[in-house]
């Protein structure tokens, strides 16, 4: 998980006054999933992440970016 996603979830949850358990119940996911997400676990199911984000009117989706590649001249 990216730091920005972790920060977003924690801030939104606290802003609306939800505990991790409250958020899990409302999103239909387990408490362990919320804890793993807020601790930055690298491998989480995207569908469940989107269930949580949907409560705040958001979702994860692909965005375009440009990768910088270094080419060595030999």
PDB file of N, CA and C in Angstrom:
ATOM      1  N   UNK A   1       0.837  -1.182   0.000  1.00  0.00           N
ATOM      2  CA  UNK A   1       0.000   0.000   0.000  1.00  0.00           C
ATOM      3  C   UNK A   1       0.879   1.242   0.000  1.00  0.00           C
ATOM      4  N   UNK A   2       0.399   2.247  -0.654  1.00  0.00           N
ATOM      5  CA  UNK A   2       1.162   3.490  -0.698  1.00  0.00           C
ATOM      6  C   UNK A   2       0.886   4.316   0.555  1.00  0.00           C
ATOM      7  N   UNK A   3       1.862   5.119   0.905  1.00  0.00           N
ATOM      8  CA  UNK A   3       1.709   5.985   2.084  1.00  0.00           C
ATOM      9  C   UNK A   3       0.517   6.927   1.942  1.00  0.00           C
ATOM     10  N   UNK A   4       0.278   7.413   0.729  1.00  0.00           N
ATOM     11  CA  UNK A   4      -0.826   8.351   0.533  1.00  0.00           C
ATOM     12  C   UNK A   4      -2.178   7.668   0.747  1.00  0.00           C
ATOM     13  N   UNK A   5      -2.304   6.412   0.361  1.00  0.00           N
ATOM     14  CA  UNK A   5      -3.548   5.688   0.588  1.00  0.00           C
ATOM     15  C   UNK A   5      -3.751   5.418   2.078  1.00  0.00           C
ATOM     16  N   UNK A   6      -2.710   5.011   2.749  1.00  0.00           N
ATOM     17  CA  UNK A   6      -2.785   4.754   4.189  1.00  0.00           C
ATOM     18  C   UNK A   6      -3.212   6.019   4.919  1.00  0.00           C
ATOM     19  N   UNK A   7      -2.566   7.123   4.588  1.00  0.00           N
ATOM     20  CA  UNK A   7      -2.880   8.401   5.222  1.00  0.00           C
ATOM     21  C   UNK A   7      -4.331   8.806   4.943  1.00  0.00           C
ATOM     22  N   UNK A   8      -4.769   8.632   3.705  1.00  0.00           N
ATOM     23  CA  UNK A   8      -6.131   8.982   3.324  1.00  0.00           C
ATOM     24  C   UNK A   8      -7.149   8.200   4.152  1.00  0.00           C
ATOM     25  N   UNK A   9      -6.980   6.887   4.232  1.00  0.00           N
ATOM     26  CA  UNK A   9      -7.923   6.041   4.960  1.00  0.00           C
ATOM     27  C   UNK A   9      -7.963   6.424   6.441  1.00  0.00           C
ATOM     28  N   UNK A  10      -6.785   6.559   7.047  1.00  0.00           N
ATOM     29  CA  UNK A  10      -6.745   6.904   8.476  1.00  0.00           C
ATOM     30  C   UNK A  10      -7.390   8.257   8.747  1.00  0.00           C
ATOM     31  N   UNK A  11      -7.053   9.252   7.924  1.00  0.00           N
ATOM     32  CA  UNK A  11      -7.598  10.593   8.125  1.00  0.00           C
ATOM     33  C   UNK A  11      -9.108  10.624   7.951  1.00  0.00           C
ATOM     34  N   UNK A  12      -9.596   9.989   6.910  1.00  0.00           N
ATOM     35  CA  UNK A  12     -11.041   9.983   6.667  1.00  0.00           C
ATOM     36  C   UNK A  12     -11.782   9.234   7.765  1.00  0.00           C
ATOM     37  N   UNK A  13     -11.227   8.107   8.185  1.00  0.00           N
ATOM     38  CA  UNK A  13     -11.866   7.325   9.240  1.00  0.00           C
ATOM     39  C   UNK A  13     -11.984   8.150  10.521  1.00  0.00           C
ATOM     40  N   UNK A  14     -10.896   8.803  10.877  1.00  0.00           N
ATOM     41  CA  UNK A  14     -10.892   9.609  12.103  1.00  0.00           C
ATOM     42  C   UNK A  14     -11.776  10.844  11.970  1.00  0.00           C
ATOM     43  N   UNK A  15     -11.788  11.445  10.779  1.00  0.00           N
ATOM     44  CA  UNK A  15     -12.596  12.641  10.536  1.00  0.00           C
ATOM     45  C   UNK A  15     -14.079  12.382  10.787  1.00  0.00           C
ATOM     46  N   UNK A  16     -14.545  11.212  10.392  1.00  0.00           N
ATOM     47  CA  UNK A  16     -15.961  10.895  10.586  1.00  0.00           C
ATOM     48  C   UNK A  16     -16.215  10.154  11.896  1.00  0.00           C
ATOM     49  N   UNK A  17     -15.161   9.973  12.693  1.00  0.00           N
ATOM     50  CA  UNK A  17     -15.318   9.409  14.025  1.00  0.00           C
ATOM     51  C   UNK A  17     -15.545   7.913  14.077  1.00  0.00           C
ATOM     52  N   UNK A  18     -14.952   7.185  13.131  1.00  0.00           N
ATOM     53  CA  UNK A  18     -15.103   5.736  13.115  1.00  0.00           C
ATOM     54  C   UNK A  18     -13.893   5.049  13.734  1.00  0.00           C
ATOM     55  N   UNK A  19     -14.148   3.990  14.469  1.00  0.00           N
ATOM     56  CA  UNK A  19     -13.055   3.126  14.902  1.00  0.00           C
ATOM     57  C   UNK A  19     -12.724   2.201  13.733  1.00  0.00           C
ATOM     58  N   UNK A  20     -11.627   1.485  13.857  1.00  0.00           N
ATOM     59  CA  UNK A  20     -11.302   0.503  12.819  1.00  0.00           C
ATOM     60  C   UNK A  20     -12.417  -0.535  12.700  1.00  0.00           C
ATOM     61  N   UNK A  21     -12.985  -0.942  13.810  1.00  0.00           N
ATOM     62  CA  UNK A  21     -14.077  -1.926  13.811  1.00  0.00           C
ATOM     63  C   UNK A  21     -15.302  -1.354  13.115  1.00  0.00           C
ATOM     64  N   UNK A  22     -15.642  -0.097  13.416  1.00  0.00           N
ATOM     65  CA  UNK A  22     -16.782   0.545  12.749  1.00  0.00           C
ATOM     66  C   UNK A  22     -16.587   0.562  11.236  1.00  0.00           C
ATOM     67  N   UNK A  23     -15.398   0.952  10.806  1.00  0.00           N
ATOM     68  CA  UNK A  23     -15.103   1.022   9.382  1.00  0.00           C
ATOM     69  C   UNK A  23     -15.216  -0.353   8.747  1.00  0.00           C
ATOM     70  N   UNK A  24     -14.664  -1.357   9.396  1.00  0.00           N
ATOM     71  CA  UNK A  24     -14.739  -2.722   8.873  1.00  0.00           C
ATOM     72  C   UNK A  24     -16.197  -3.158   8.716  1.00  0.00           C
ATOM     73  N   UNK A  25     -16.998  -2.906   9.733  1.00  0.00           N
ATOM     74  CA  UNK A  25     -18.414  -3.293   9.682  1.00  0.00           C
ATOM     75  C   UNK A  25     -19.151  -2.582   8.561  1.00  0.00           C
ATOM     76  N   UNK A  26     -18.942  -1.294   8.444  1.00  0.00           N
ATOM     77  CA  UNK A  26     -19.648  -0.518   7.407  1.00  0.00           C
ATOM     78  C   UNK A  26     -19.202  -0.884   5.998  1.00  0.00           C
ATOM     79  N   UNK A  27     -17.929  -1.241   5.841  1.00  0.00           N
ATOM     80  CA  UNK A  27     -17.410  -1.587   4.517  1.00  0.00           C
ATOM     81  C   UNK A  27     -17.664  -3.052   4.162  1.00  0.00           C
ATOM     82  N   UNK A  28     -18.024  -3.856   5.156  1.00  0.00           N
ATOM     83  CA  UNK A  28     -18.260  -5.270   4.889  1.00  0.00           C
ATOM     84  C   UNK A  28     -16.976  -6.075   4.747  1.00  0.00           C
ATOM     85  N   UNK A  29     -15.941  -5.628   5.451  1.00  0.00           N
ATOM     86  CA  UNK A  29     -14.667  -6.347   5.453  1.00  0.00           C
ATOM     87  C   UNK A  29     -14.319  -6.676   6.901  1.00  0.00           C
ATOM     88  N   UNK A  30     -13.324  -7.502   7.081  1.00  0.00           N
ATOM     89  CA  UNK A  30     -12.922  -7.861   8.430  1.00  0.00           C
ATOM     90  C   UNK A  30     -12.059  -6.795   9.089  1.00  0.00           C
ATOM     91  N   UNK A  31     -12.078  -6.797  10.415  1.00  0.00           N
ATOM     92  CA  UNK A  31     -11.244  -5.874  11.175  1.00  0.00           C
ATOM     93  C   UNK A  31      -9.769  -6.071  10.838  1.00  0.00           C
ATOM     94  N   UNK A  32      -9.352  -7.301  10.674  1.00  0.00           N
ATOM     95  CA  UNK A  32      -7.953  -7.589  10.330  1.00  0.00           C
ATOM     96  C   UNK A  32      -7.559  -6.915   9.012  1.00  0.00           C
ATOM     97  N   UNK A  33      -8.483  -6.902   8.049  1.00  0.00           N
ATOM     98  CA  UNK A  33      -8.200  -6.249   6.773  1.00  0.00           C
ATOM     99  C   UNK A  33      -7.928  -4.762   6.977  1.00  0.00           C
ATOM    100  N   UNK A  34      -8.749  -4.095   7.787  1.00  0.00           N
ATOM    101  CA  UNK A  34      -8.560  -2.664   8.047  1.00  0.00           C
ATOM    102  C   UNK A  34      -7.216  -2.438   8.733  1.00  0.00           C
ATOM    103  N   UNK A  35      -6.904  -3.256   9.699  1.00  0.00           N
ATOM    104  CA  UNK A  35      -5.617  -3.119  10.389  1.00  0.00           C
ATOM    105  C   UNK A  35      -4.456  -3.317   9.420  1.00  0.00           C
ATOM    106  N   UNK A  36      -4.546  -4.355   8.602  1.00  0.00           N
ATOM    107  CA  UNK A  36      -3.486  -4.605   7.609  1.00  0.00           C
ATOM    108  C   UNK A  36      -3.342  -3.432   6.652  1.00  0.00           C
ATOM    109  N   UNK A  37      -4.466  -2.884   6.215  1.00  0.00           N
ATOM    110  CA  UNK A  37      -4.433  -1.766   5.275  1.00  0.00           C
ATOM    111  C   UNK A  37      -3.793  -0.542   5.917  1.00  0.00           C
ATOM    112  N   UNK A  38      -4.190  -0.231   7.140  1.00  0.00           N
ATOM    113  CA  UNK A  38      -3.645   0.954   7.807  1.00  0.00           C
ATOM    114  C   UNK A  38      -2.190   0.775   8.225  1.00  0.00           C
ATOM    115  N   UNK A  39      -1.718  -0.448   8.274  1.00  0.00           N
ATOM    116  CA  UNK A  39      -0.311  -0.699   8.593  1.00  0.00           C
ATOM    117  C   UNK A  39       0.539  -0.847   7.341  1.00  0.00           C
ATOM    118  N   UNK A  40      -0.090  -0.727   6.175  1.00  0.00           N
ATOM    119  CA  UNK A  40       0.662  -0.735   4.926  1.00  0.00           C
ATOM    120  C   UNK A  40       1.022  -2.096   4.379  1.00  0.00           C
ATOM    121  N   UNK A  41       0.240  -3.107   4.688  1.00  0.00           N
ATOM    122  CA  UNK A  41       0.510  -4.438   4.147  1.00  0.00           C
ATOM    123  C   UNK A  41       0.582  -4.349   2.628  1.00  0.00           C
ATOM    124  N   UNK A  42       1.595  -4.964   2.065  1.00  0.00           N
ATOM    125  CA  UNK A  42       1.860  -4.834   0.628  1.00  0.00           C
ATOM    126  C   UNK A  42       0.865  -5.584  -0.250  1.00  0.00           C
ATOM    127  N   UNK A  43       0.291  -6.649   0.238  1.00  0.00           N
ATOM    128  CA  UNK A  43      -0.597  -7.450  -0.616  1.00  0.00           C
ATOM    129  C   UNK A  43      -2.008  -7.485  -0.036  1.00  0.00           C
ATOM    130  N   UNK A  44      -2.858  -6.653  -0.594  1.00  0.00           N
ATOM    131  CA  UNK A  44      -4.261  -6.601  -0.189  1.00  0.00           C
ATOM    132  C   UNK A  44      -5.139  -6.759  -1.427  1.00  0.00           C
ATOM    133  N   UNK A  45      -6.304  -7.316  -1.246  1.00  0.00           N
ATOM    134  CA  UNK A  45      -7.230  -7.472  -2.369  1.00  0.00           C
ATOM    135  C   UNK A  45      -7.794  -6.113  -2.769  1.00  0.00           C
ATOM    136  N   UNK A  46      -7.653  -5.791  -4.035  1.00  0.00           N
ATOM    137  CA  UNK A  46      -8.105  -4.499  -4.547  1.00  0.00           C
ATOM    138  C   UNK A  46      -9.615  -4.328  -4.407  1.00  0.00           C
ATOM    139  N   UNK A  47     -10.380  -5.390  -4.584  1.00  0.00           N
ATOM    140  CA  UNK A  47     -11.827  -5.259  -4.447  1.00  0.00           C
ATOM    141  C   UNK A  47     -12.212  -4.850  -3.027  1.00  0.00           C
ATOM    142  N   UNK A  48     -11.489  -5.360  -2.042  1.00  0.00           N
ATOM    143  CA  UNK A  48     -11.775  -4.986  -0.654  1.00  0.00           C
ATOM    144  C   UNK A  48     -11.303  -3.563  -0.357  1.00  0.00           C
ATOM    145  N   UNK A  49     -10.165  -3.173  -0.923  1.00  0.00           N
ATOM    146  CA  UNK A  49      -9.704  -1.793  -0.768  1.00  0.00           C
ATOM    147  C   UNK A  49     -10.770  -0.851  -1.315  1.00  0.00           C
ATOM    148  N   UNK A  50     -11.327  -1.194  -2.471  1.00  0.00           N
ATOM    149  CA  UNK A  50     -12.362  -0.353  -3.070  1.00  0.00           C
ATOM    150  C   UNK A  50     -13.654  -0.351  -2.259  1.00  0.00           C
ATOM    151  N   UNK A  51     -13.962  -1.437  -1.563  1.00  0.00           N
ATOM    152  CA  UNK A  51     -15.129  -1.447  -0.676  1.00  0.00           C
ATOM    153  C   UNK A  51     -14.962  -0.391   0.421  1.00  0.00           C
ATOM    154  N   UNK A  52     -13.764  -0.305   0.964  1.00  0.00           N
ATOM    155  CA  UNK A  52     -13.485   0.671   2.015  1.00  0.00           C
ATOM    156  C   UNK A  52     -13.509   2.085   1.434  1.00  0.00           C
ATOM    157  N   UNK A  53     -12.827   2.290   0.332  1.00  0.00           N
ATOM    158  CA  UNK A  53     -12.770   3.617  -0.282  1.00  0.00           C
ATOM    159  C   UNK A  53     -14.148   4.113  -0.714  1.00  0.00           C
ATOM    160  N   UNK A  54     -15.032   3.203  -1.095  1.00  0.00           N
ATOM    161  CA  UNK A  54     -16.378   3.588  -1.539  1.00  0.00           C
ATOM    162  C   UNK A  54     -17.146   4.323  -0.444  1.00  0.00           C
ATOM    163  N   UNK A  55     -16.866   4.009   0.802  1.00  0.00           N
ATOM    164  CA  UNK A  55     -17.530   4.705   1.902  1.00  0.00           C
ATOM    165  C   UNK A  55     -17.192   6.187   1.920  1.00  0.00           C
ATOM    166  N   UNK A  56     -16.051   6.537   1.342  1.00  0.00           N
ATOM    167  CA  UNK A  56     -15.610   7.932   1.306  1.00  0.00           C
ATOM    168  C   UNK A  56     -15.743   8.532  -0.090  1.00  0.00           C
ATOM    169  N   UNK A  57     -16.478   7.829  -0.968  1.00  0.00           N
ATOM    170  CA  UNK A  57     -16.714   8.339  -2.313  1.00  0.00           C
ATOM    171  C   UNK A  57     -15.514   8.261  -3.231  1.00  0.00           C
ATOM    172  N   UNK A  58     -14.631   7.305  -3.007  1.00  0.00           N
ATOM    173  CA  UNK A  58     -13.426   7.151  -3.822  1.00  0.00           C
ATOM    174  C   UNK A  58     -13.253   5.696  -4.242  1.00  0.00           C
ATOM    175  N   UNK A  59     -12.334   5.464  -5.180  1.00  0.00           N
ATOM    176  CA  UNK A  59     -11.929   4.117  -5.571  1.00  0.00           C
ATOM    177  C   UNK A  59     -10.539   4.185  -6.194  1.00  0.00           C
ATOM    178  N   UNK A  60      -9.880   3.058  -6.168  1.00  0.00           N
ATOM    179  CA  UNK A  60      -8.563   2.980  -6.806  1.00  0.00           C
ATOM    180  C   UNK A  60      -8.778   2.599  -8.265  1.00  0.00           C
ATOM    181  N   UNK A  61      -8.002   3.235  -9.132  1.00  0.00           N
ATOM    182  CA  UNK A  61      -8.072   2.897 -10.544  1.00  0.00           C
ATOM    183  C   UNK A  61      -6.742   3.254 -11.195  1.00  0.00           C
ATOM    184  N   UNK A  62      -6.495   2.719 -12.360  1.00  0.00           N
ATOM    185  CA  UNK A  62      -5.230   3.007 -13.027  1.00  0.00           C
ATOM    186  C   UNK A  62      -5.102   4.489 -13.396  1.00  0.00           C
ATOM    187  N   UNK A  63      -3.912   5.004 -13.238  1.00  0.00           N
ATOM    188  CA  UNK A  63      -3.623   6.355 -13.692  1.00  0.00           C
ATOM    189  C   UNK A  63      -2.364   6.318 -14.536  1.00  0.00           C
ATOM    190  N   UNK A  64      -2.280   7.209 -15.463  1.00  0.00           N
ATOM    191  CA  UNK A  64      -1.112   7.261 -16.337  1.00  0.00           C
ATOM    192  C   UNK A  64       0.054   7.926 -15.599  1.00  0.00           C
ATOM    193  N   UNK A  65       1.236   7.429 -15.865  1.00  0.00           N
ATOM    194  CA  UNK A  65       2.435   8.057 -15.342  1.00  0.00           C
ATOM    195  C   UNK A  65       3.575   7.732 -16.288  1.00  0.00           C
ATOM    196  N   UNK A  66       4.595   8.493 -16.189  1.00  0.00           N
ATOM    197  CA  UNK A  66       5.744   8.292 -17.062  1.00  0.00           C
ATOM    198  C   UNK A  66       6.888   7.734 -16.233  1.00  0.00           C
ATOM    199  N   UNK A  67       7.380   6.591 -16.639  1.00  0.00           N
ATOM    200  CA  UNK A  67       8.518   5.994 -15.950  1.00  0.00           C
ATOM    201  C   UNK A  67       9.800   6.578 -16.518  1.00  0.00           C
ATOM    202  N   UNK A  68      10.689   6.939 -15.646  1.00  0.00           N
ATOM    203  CA  UNK A  68      12.002   7.425 -16.054  1.00  0.00           C
ATOM    204  C   UNK A  68      12.941   6.232 -16.143  1.00  0.00           C
ATOM    205  N   UNK A  69      13.571   6.077 -17.259  1.00  0.00           N
ATOM    206  CA  UNK A  69      14.481   4.961 -17.456  1.00  0.00           C
ATOM    207  C   UNK A  69      15.863   5.514 -17.769  1.00  0.00           C
ATOM    208  N   UNK A  70      16.843   5.066 -17.004  1.00  0.00           N
ATOM    209  CA  UNK A  70      18.227   5.470 -17.281  1.00  0.00           C
ATOM    210  C   UNK A  70      18.823   4.537 -18.320  1.00  0.00           C
ATOM    211  N   UNK A  71      19.395   5.118 -19.342  1.00  0.00           N
ATOM    212  CA  UNK A  71      20.071   4.320 -20.364  1.00  0.00           C
ATOM    213  C   UNK A  71      21.553   4.630 -20.301  1.00  0.00           C
ATOM    214  N   UNK A  72      22.329   3.602 -20.102  1.00  0.00           N
ATOM    215  CA  UNK A  72      23.776   3.799 -20.097  1.00  0.00           C
ATOM    216  C   UNK A  72      24.296   3.755 -21.525  1.00  0.00           C
ATOM    217  N   UNK A  73      25.165   4.688 -21.827  1.00  0.00           N
ATOM    218  CA  UNK A  73      25.783   4.711 -23.145  1.00  0.00           C
ATOM    219  C   UNK A  73      27.072   3.925 -23.036  1.00  0.00           C
ATOM    220  N   UNK A  74      27.174   2.874 -23.822  1.00  0.00           N
ATOM    221  CA  UNK A  74      28.265   1.953 -23.637  1.00  0.00           C
ATOM    222  C   UNK A  74      29.467   2.207 -24.394  1.00  0.00           C
TER     223      UNK A  74
END
